[in-house]
Amino acid sequence: MVAPGCWLFKKSEPAQPENAGAAQPEKKTDKFAEEAAQLKADGYPVEASTEFTKRLRQYPGSKGTRESNPDDWALVDGVLEGALAANPEPDDQYTLHASWALVYGRNKIPEAQRELLAAMAIKPSAYIFDIFKERPEAYGEIYAEVCAGVRPGLEEHFLLEEQLEFYEQCDEWVEGDYSKLWPNAKKDYAAIPKLKKRIAAYEAEQKAFAQEIAAYFPGGGKCIDSACGILGWRSFWDEEVESKCVSDDCFSVGWESATPKGPVSTRCIDSDCLGEGWKSTGKGGTWVGKCNDEDCGFSGWTVKKGSKAYVVTTPDEGRTYMVKAPNNKNYECKPRAQSGKGILAGMDCVDVE
């Protein structure tokens, strides 16, 4: 007999799924596809479209091959197609073709050659040459075609040293057979000694500029141990000129410079170089520096000796200094970010003409 209220058999319960009660994983979203869809919705802006390929540029192979991962590579192709259609300006077309040439090349995608040649046709730049030079095997056997295609932009897009490197690299690729290159290539190669003389003259000019500003500019070079204000600096081109702080305080007391032309002694005016100016004296005569406003670092300065002058301006309060030299050449000097800001960081300068 069964006691009242008791059941002989256990009451059946609904079947429970396997792993019932366990936390269920969230459904994974395809971020790559989402980004591609967002680009389409935004009309494929150039910068965002090239940013889409950043991981593929930095980590080649992260999306596998076209055969192993066709869906993601179809998205990459689609973004390029959409961006090219949405951005018809030549500069934008060049940027897109060049970006995808790099992406495809690093990931061994066959369309790399197509995109490289398309970018080169718009702008035969040093950048395109460098992309190809990085891994030419990714673009096929087109050494001579790339050399001939880039040659028209050599003077416009390449620095003098880059021009020499271009000639040397193309010579190596065709093993000295200039007939495989562009028309009159032999004549260009015969002029290489003249190019080397131009390079030597340019380097001498840059060196002279670097040495002079290292002696006469506050922070006019590479900081010694990242401390221009208390240790000094060396000329950025060759480090031959060394300016050392007096009493561990360059900008309140002054600095002493050892130069190929002899020593130069600089002292601050009223113990405030960066506010009141400075005076530098040596065998080359006396140069006087004056701030354009109350603070040289934020306003720039002028350094004069008789009718000769270096005129320094800054359009962005010390993030960049534009220098007009006595020979009327223009330079852009940027503080070396690892050492601090403005004059305290020292300077790297380039000829902007």
Protein backbone atom coordinates (compact mmCIF):
# COMPACT_ATOMS: atom_id res chain seq x y z
CA MET A 1 0.00 0.00 0.00
CA VAL A 2 1.25 3.39 -0.89
CA ALA A 3 1.00 6.15 1.65
CA PRO A 4 -1.39 8.97 0.72
CA GLY A 5 0.31 11.80 -1.15
CA CYS A 6 3.12 9.57 -2.37
CA TRP A 7 3.72 8.39 -5.89
CA LEU A 8 5.00 4.98 -6.77
CA PHE A 9 6.80 6.35 -9.76
CA LYS A 10 8.72 9.64 -10.07
CA LYS A 11 6.81 12.34 -11.92
CA SER A 12 8.22 12.79 -15.39
CA GLU A 13 9.97 16.09 -16.17
CA PRO A 14 10.58 17.79 -19.53
CA ALA A 15 13.79 16.61 -21.18
CA GLN A 16 16.71 19.00 -20.52
CA PRO A 17 19.15 19.90 -23.28
CA GLU A 18 22.70 18.65 -22.93
CA ASN A 19 24.88 21.02 -20.84
CA ALA A 20 21.75 22.67 -19.49
CA GLY A 21 22.58 25.48 -17.12
CA ALA A 22 26.06 26.01 -18.58
CA ALA A 23 26.85 29.49 -19.85
CA GLN A 24 26.28 29.63 -23.58
CA PRO A 25 28.98 31.33 -25.68
CA GLU A 26 27.96 34.54 -27.39
CA LYS A 27 27.55 34.36 -31.10
CA LYS A 28 30.76 35.63 -32.67
CA THR A 29 30.37 38.59 -34.98
CA ASP A 30 32.42 39.00 -38.14
CA LYS A 31 34.11 42.33 -37.43
CA PHE A 32 35.90 42.32 -40.78
CA ALA A 33 32.59 42.05 -42.62
CA GLU A 34 31.07 44.73 -40.40
CA GLU A 35 33.90 47.12 -41.21
CA ALA A 36 33.48 46.48 -44.93
CA ALA A 37 29.74 47.12 -44.65
CA GLN A 38 30.35 50.35 -42.73
CA LEU A 39 32.76 51.57 -45.39
CA LYS A 40 30.13 50.94 -48.03
CA ALA A 41 27.54 52.83 -45.99
CA ASP A 42 29.96 55.75 -45.55
CA GLY A 43 30.74 55.95 -49.27
CA TYR A 44 34.27 54.49 -49.08
CA PRO A 45 36.33 57.48 -47.83
CA VAL A 46 39.95 57.04 -48.94
CA GLU A 47 41.65 57.18 -45.53
CA ALA A 48 39.20 54.79 -43.90
CA SER A 49 39.38 52.43 -46.86
CA THR A 50 43.16 52.17 -46.66
CA GLU A 51 42.95 51.79 -42.87
CA PHE A 52 40.76 48.72 -43.51
CA THR A 53 43.85 46.98 -44.91
CA LYS A 54 46.16 47.92 -42.01
CA ARG A 55 46.21 44.50 -40.36
CA LEU A 56 46.79 42.81 -43.70
CA ARG A 57 49.76 45.10 -44.31
CA GLN A 58 51.24 44.64 -40.84
CA TYR A 59 50.54 40.93 -40.44
CA PRO A 60 50.78 39.25 -43.85
CA GLY A 61 49.03 35.89 -43.89
CA SER A 62 46.66 36.74 -41.03
CA LYS A 63 43.70 36.19 -43.37
CA GLY A 64 45.21 33.20 -45.10
CA THR A 65 45.24 32.83 -48.87
CA ARG A 66 42.51 33.52 -51.38
CA GLU A 67 41.98 29.75 -51.62
CA SER A 68 41.83 29.17 -47.86
CA ASN A 69 39.75 32.24 -47.01
CA PRO A 70 37.85 33.39 -50.11
CA ASP A 71 35.15 35.29 -48.21
CA ASP A 72 37.50 37.74 -46.48
CA TRP A 73 39.54 38.33 -49.62
CA ALA A 74 36.31 38.99 -51.52
CA LEU A 75 35.64 41.74 -48.94
CA VAL A 76 39.12 43.20 -49.55
CA ASP A 77 38.51 43.17 -53.31
CA GLY A 78 35.08 44.73 -52.82
CA VAL A 79 36.40 47.62 -50.72
CA LEU A 80 38.99 48.41 -53.38
CA GLU A 81 36.38 48.31 -56.14
CA GLY A 82 34.00 50.52 -54.18
CA ALA A 83 36.68 52.99 -53.13
CA LEU A 84 38.00 53.38 -56.69
CA ALA A 85 34.49 54.06 -57.96
CA ALA A 86 33.79 56.57 -55.17
CA ASN A 87 37.09 58.47 -55.42
CA PRO A 88 37.94 59.36 -59.04
CA GLU A 89 40.61 62.02 -58.32
CA PRO A 90 44.07 60.89 -59.55
CA ASP A 91 45.76 61.37 -56.15
CA ASP A 92 43.09 59.24 -54.48
CA GLN A 93 43.28 56.61 -57.20
CA TYR A 94 47.05 56.48 -56.75
CA THR A 95 46.72 56.06 -52.97
CA LEU A 96 44.24 53.23 -53.34
CA HIS A 97 46.13 51.35 -56.04
CA ALA A 98 49.40 51.72 -54.09
CA SER A 99 47.82 50.56 -50.82
CA TRP A 100 46.31 47.47 -52.41
CA ALA A 101 49.52 46.75 -54.31
CA LEU A 102 51.28 46.58 -50.95
CA VAL A 103 48.53 44.49 -49.34
CA TYR A 104 48.27 42.04 -52.21
CA GLY A 105 52.04 41.80 -52.57
CA ARG A 106 52.70 41.07 -48.92
CA ASN A 107 49.94 38.45 -48.90
CA LYS A 108 50.98 36.86 -52.22
CA ILE A 109 47.72 37.71 -53.98
CA PRO A 110 48.08 37.60 -57.80
CA GLU A 111 46.43 41.00 -58.34
CA ALA A 112 49.48 42.64 -56.73
CA GLN A 113 51.06 43.21 -60.13
CA ARG A 114 47.92 44.79 -61.56
CA GLU A 115 47.64 47.29 -58.69
CA LEU A 116 51.34 48.17 -58.74
CA LEU A 117 51.27 48.95 -62.45
CA ALA A 118 48.06 50.98 -62.05
CA ALA A 119 49.60 53.12 -59.30
CA MET A 120 52.83 53.55 -61.26
CA ALA A 121 50.91 54.77 -64.31
CA ILE A 122 49.40 57.58 -62.22
CA LYS A 123 52.52 58.56 -60.27
CA PRO A 124 55.92 56.95 -60.94
CA SER A 125 57.07 57.58 -57.38
CA ALA A 126 59.87 56.42 -55.14
CA TYR A 127 57.24 54.78 -52.95
CA ILE A 128 56.07 52.52 -55.77
CA PHE A 129 59.65 51.59 -56.53
CA ASP A 130 60.22 50.75 -52.85
CA ILE A 131 57.08 48.58 -52.73
CA PHE A 132 58.35 46.58 -55.67
CA LYS A 133 61.90 46.44 -54.36
CA GLU A 134 60.69 45.08 -51.01
CA ARG A 135 59.58 41.76 -52.53
CA PRO A 136 59.76 41.79 -56.35
CA GLU A 137 58.88 38.10 -56.53
CA ALA A 138 55.33 39.01 -55.41
CA TYR A 139 54.79 41.10 -58.55
CA GLY A 140 56.18 38.79 -61.19
CA GLU A 141 59.11 39.16 -63.53
CA ILE A 142 58.55 42.84 -64.35
CA TYR A 143 61.90 44.33 -63.26
CA ALA A 144 62.57 46.15 -66.53
CA GLU A 145 58.94 47.26 -66.83
CA VAL A 146 59.02 48.84 -63.36
CA CYS A 147 62.35 50.57 -64.05
CA ALA A 148 61.07 51.98 -67.34
CA GLY A 149 57.76 53.00 -65.76
CA VAL A 150 59.34 54.81 -62.82
CA ARG A 151 62.08 56.56 -64.82
CA PRO A 152 59.87 59.53 -66.00
CA GLY A 153 59.25 60.54 -62.37
CA LEU A 154 62.85 60.27 -61.23
CA GLU A 155 63.77 63.98 -60.97
CA GLU A 156 60.37 64.96 -59.55
CA HIS A 157 59.79 62.22 -56.99
CA PHE A 158 63.24 60.94 -55.98
CA LEU A 159 65.90 62.57 -53.82
CA LEU A 160 69.39 62.67 -55.34
CA GLU A 161 70.61 59.67 -53.36
CA GLU A 162 67.42 57.79 -54.25
CA GLN A 163 68.10 58.49 -57.93
CA LEU A 164 71.52 56.90 -57.66
CA GLU A 165 70.03 53.89 -55.83
CA PHE A 166 67.41 53.57 -58.58
CA TYR A 167 70.07 53.39 -61.30
CA GLU A 168 72.16 50.92 -59.34
CA GLN A 169 69.20 48.65 -58.57
CA CYS A 170 67.92 48.61 -62.15
CA ASP A 171 71.44 47.90 -63.40
CA GLU A 172 71.60 44.90 -61.06
CA TRP A 173 68.20 43.60 -62.17
CA VAL A 174 69.04 43.66 -65.90
CA GLU A 175 72.65 42.62 -65.28
CA GLY A 176 74.05 45.63 -67.09
CA ASP A 177 72.00 45.18 -70.26
CA TYR A 178 70.62 48.71 -70.64
CA SER A 179 68.81 47.76 -73.84
CA LYS A 180 66.20 46.07 -71.63
CA LEU A 181 65.38 49.37 -69.95
CA TRP A 182 63.97 52.65 -71.27
CA PRO A 183 65.13 54.43 -74.47
CA ASN A 184 68.43 56.29 -73.97
CA ALA A 185 69.11 54.39 -70.73
CA LYS A 186 72.76 54.05 -71.75
CA LYS A 187 73.05 57.84 -71.90
CA ASP A 188 71.54 58.18 -68.41
CA TYR A 189 73.99 55.67 -67.02
CA ALA A 190 76.90 57.50 -68.63
CA ALA A 191 75.84 60.61 -66.65
CA ILE A 192 76.07 58.90 -63.25
CA PRO A 193 79.46 60.53 -62.41
CA LYS A 194 77.75 63.94 -62.74
CA LEU A 195 74.95 62.73 -60.45
CA LYS A 196 77.53 61.66 -57.86
CA LYS A 197 79.11 65.13 -58.01
CA ARG A 198 75.68 66.71 -57.42
CA ILE A 199 75.17 64.43 -54.44
CA ALA A 200 78.58 65.37 -53.03
CA ALA A 201 77.84 69.09 -53.47
CA TYR A 202 74.43 68.71 -51.82
CA GLU A 203 75.91 66.83 -48.88
CA ALA A 204 78.60 69.48 -48.43
CA GLU A 205 75.94 72.19 -48.38
CA GLN A 206 73.83 70.29 -45.84
CA LYS A 207 76.87 69.64 -43.68
CA ALA A 208 77.87 73.34 -43.68
CA PHE A 209 74.33 74.37 -42.73
CA ALA A 210 74.16 71.79 -39.93
CA GLN A 211 77.52 72.84 -38.52
CA GLU A 212 76.68 76.53 -38.55
CA ILE A 213 73.31 76.22 -36.83
CA ALA A 214 74.82 73.83 -34.26
CA ALA A 215 77.11 76.69 -33.24
CA TYR A 216 74.66 79.60 -33.51
CA PHE A 217 71.18 78.16 -32.76
CA PRO A 218 69.91 77.11 -29.32
CA GLY A 219 69.30 73.36 -29.55
CA GLY A 220 70.60 73.41 -33.14
CA GLY A 221 71.30 69.70 -33.48
CA LYS A 222 70.97 66.31 -31.78
CA CYS A 223 70.77 66.61 -28.01
CA ILE A 224 73.59 65.01 -26.03
CA ASP A 225 71.98 62.23 -23.95
CA SER A 226 68.54 63.76 -24.69
CA ALA A 227 69.39 66.85 -22.63
CA CYS A 228 69.99 69.92 -24.80
CA GLY A 229 69.25 72.35 -21.97
CA ILE A 230 71.85 71.06 -19.51
CA LEU A 231 74.39 69.14 -21.64
CA GLY A 232 74.27 70.52 -25.20
CA TRP A 233 74.00 69.14 -28.73
CA ARG A 234 75.90 68.00 -31.83
CA SER A 235 75.35 68.93 -35.49
CA PHE A 236 72.55 66.76 -36.91
CA TRP A 237 74.23 66.00 -40.26
CA ASP A 238 77.60 64.67 -39.12
CA GLU A 239 77.86 65.34 -35.35
CA GLU A 240 81.20 67.05 -36.01
CA VAL A 241 80.27 70.27 -34.22
CA GLU A 242 79.66 69.87 -30.50
CA SER A 243 78.06 72.61 -28.42
CA LYS A 244 78.31 72.12 -24.66
CA CYS A 245 76.43 74.06 -22.01
CA VAL A 246 78.21 76.49 -19.74
CA SER A 247 77.52 75.80 -16.04
CA ASP A 248 75.07 73.05 -17.03
CA ASP A 249 72.65 75.70 -18.29
CA CYS A 250 72.69 76.43 -22.01
CA PHE A 251 69.68 78.72 -22.16
CA SER A 252 70.37 80.94 -19.16
CA VAL A 253 74.17 81.15 -19.41
CA GLY A 254 75.24 79.98 -22.89
CA TRP A 255 77.28 77.34 -24.68
CA GLU A 256 80.75 76.68 -26.07
CA SER A 257 81.04 75.13 -29.53
CA ALA A 258 83.93 73.17 -31.01
CA THR A 259 83.78 73.60 -34.82
CA PRO A 260 86.12 72.79 -37.73
CA LYS A 261 86.77 76.54 -38.04
CA GLY A 262 87.69 76.93 -34.40
CA PRO A 263 85.87 77.52 -31.09
CA VAL A 264 82.73 79.65 -30.86
CA SER A 265 81.65 81.14 -27.54
CA THR A 266 77.96 81.96 -26.99
CA ARG A 267 76.51 83.89 -24.05
CA CYS A 268 72.91 84.70 -23.24
CA ILE A 269 71.78 88.33 -23.12
CA ASP A 270 70.49 89.22 -19.62
CA SER A 271 70.76 85.56 -18.60
CA ASP A 272 67.86 84.66 -20.89
CA CYS A 273 68.77 83.21 -24.30
CA LEU A 274 65.23 82.13 -25.16
CA GLY A 275 63.68 85.45 -24.16
CA GLU A 276 66.29 88.13 -24.75
CA GLY A 277 68.66 86.48 -27.23
CA TRP A 278 72.34 85.60 -27.38
CA LYS A 279 75.72 86.56 -28.87
CA SER A 280 78.13 84.09 -30.49
CA THR A 281 81.75 85.02 -31.11
CA GLY A 282 84.48 83.13 -32.93
CA LYS A 283 86.94 83.33 -35.83
CA GLY A 284 84.01 83.70 -38.21
CA GLY A 285 82.91 86.92 -36.53
CA THR A 286 80.04 87.70 -34.19
CA TRP A 287 76.47 86.51 -34.70
CA VAL A 288 73.62 87.97 -32.64
CA GLY A 289 70.38 86.12 -32.02
CA LYS A 290 67.11 87.88 -31.22
CA CYS A 291 63.69 86.35 -30.55
CA ASN A 292 60.87 87.36 -32.88
CA ASP A 293 58.67 87.82 -29.80
CA GLU A 294 59.00 87.23 -26.07
CA ASP A 295 59.79 83.51 -26.42
CA CYS A 296 62.10 82.17 -29.15
CA GLY A 297 60.70 78.66 -28.83
CA PHE A 298 57.15 79.77 -29.65
CA SER A 299 57.83 82.66 -32.03
CA GLY A 300 61.14 81.92 -33.77
CA TRP A 301 64.24 84.07 -33.99
CA THR A 302 66.75 85.83 -36.26
CA VAL A 303 70.53 85.33 -36.09
CA LYS A 304 72.51 88.05 -37.86
CA LYS A 305 76.12 88.88 -38.70
CA GLY A 306 76.30 92.10 -40.68
CA SER A 307 74.09 91.65 -43.76
CA LYS A 308 73.90 87.87 -43.37
CA ALA A 309 70.96 86.42 -41.46
CA TYR A 310 69.21 83.19 -40.57
CA VAL A 311 65.50 83.94 -40.25
CA VAL A 312 63.55 81.35 -38.24
CA THR A 313 59.76 81.25 -38.04
CA THR A 314 57.40 78.69 -36.54
CA PRO A 315 53.84 78.28 -37.84
CA ASP A 316 52.83 75.97 -34.99
CA GLU A 317 54.45 77.33 -31.81
CA GLY A 318 57.57 75.22 -31.85
CA ARG A 319 56.47 71.96 -33.44
CA THR A 320 58.20 72.99 -36.68
CA TYR A 321 60.78 75.69 -37.45
CA MET A 322 61.15 77.10 -40.95
CA VAL A 323 64.63 78.49 -41.63
CA LYS A 324 65.66 80.83 -44.45
CA ALA A 325 69.46 80.67 -44.68
CA PRO A 326 71.75 83.49 -45.84
CA ASN A 327 72.05 81.82 -49.25
CA ASN A 328 68.21 82.03 -49.53
CA LYS A 329 67.78 78.29 -49.24
CA ASN A 330 64.87 77.10 -47.12
CA TYR A 331 64.98 74.38 -44.48
CA GLU A 332 62.41 72.73 -42.27
CA CYS A 333 63.65 71.82 -38.80
CA LYS A 334 61.62 69.56 -36.54
CA PRO A 335 62.30 68.96 -32.86
CA ARG A 336 63.42 65.42 -32.09
CA ALA A 337 60.32 64.13 -30.29
CA GLN A 338 62.12 61.60 -28.11
CA SER A 339 63.97 64.39 -26.31
CA GLY A 340 61.12 66.72 -25.40
CA LYS A 341 59.45 69.69 -27.09
CA GLY A 342 60.59 72.67 -29.11
CA ILE A 343 64.16 73.86 -28.74
CA LEU A 344 64.70 71.58 -25.74
CA ALA A 345 64.36 68.59 -28.08
CA GLY A 346 67.10 69.60 -30.53
CA MET A 347 66.56 69.67 -34.30
CA ASP A 348 66.59 67.58 -37.44
CA CYS A 349 66.58 69.73 -40.57
CA VAL A 350 65.86 69.01 -44.23
CA ASP A 351 66.18 71.10 -47.37
CA VAL A 352 62.62 71.82 -48.55
CA GLU A 353 63.47 73.11 -52.03
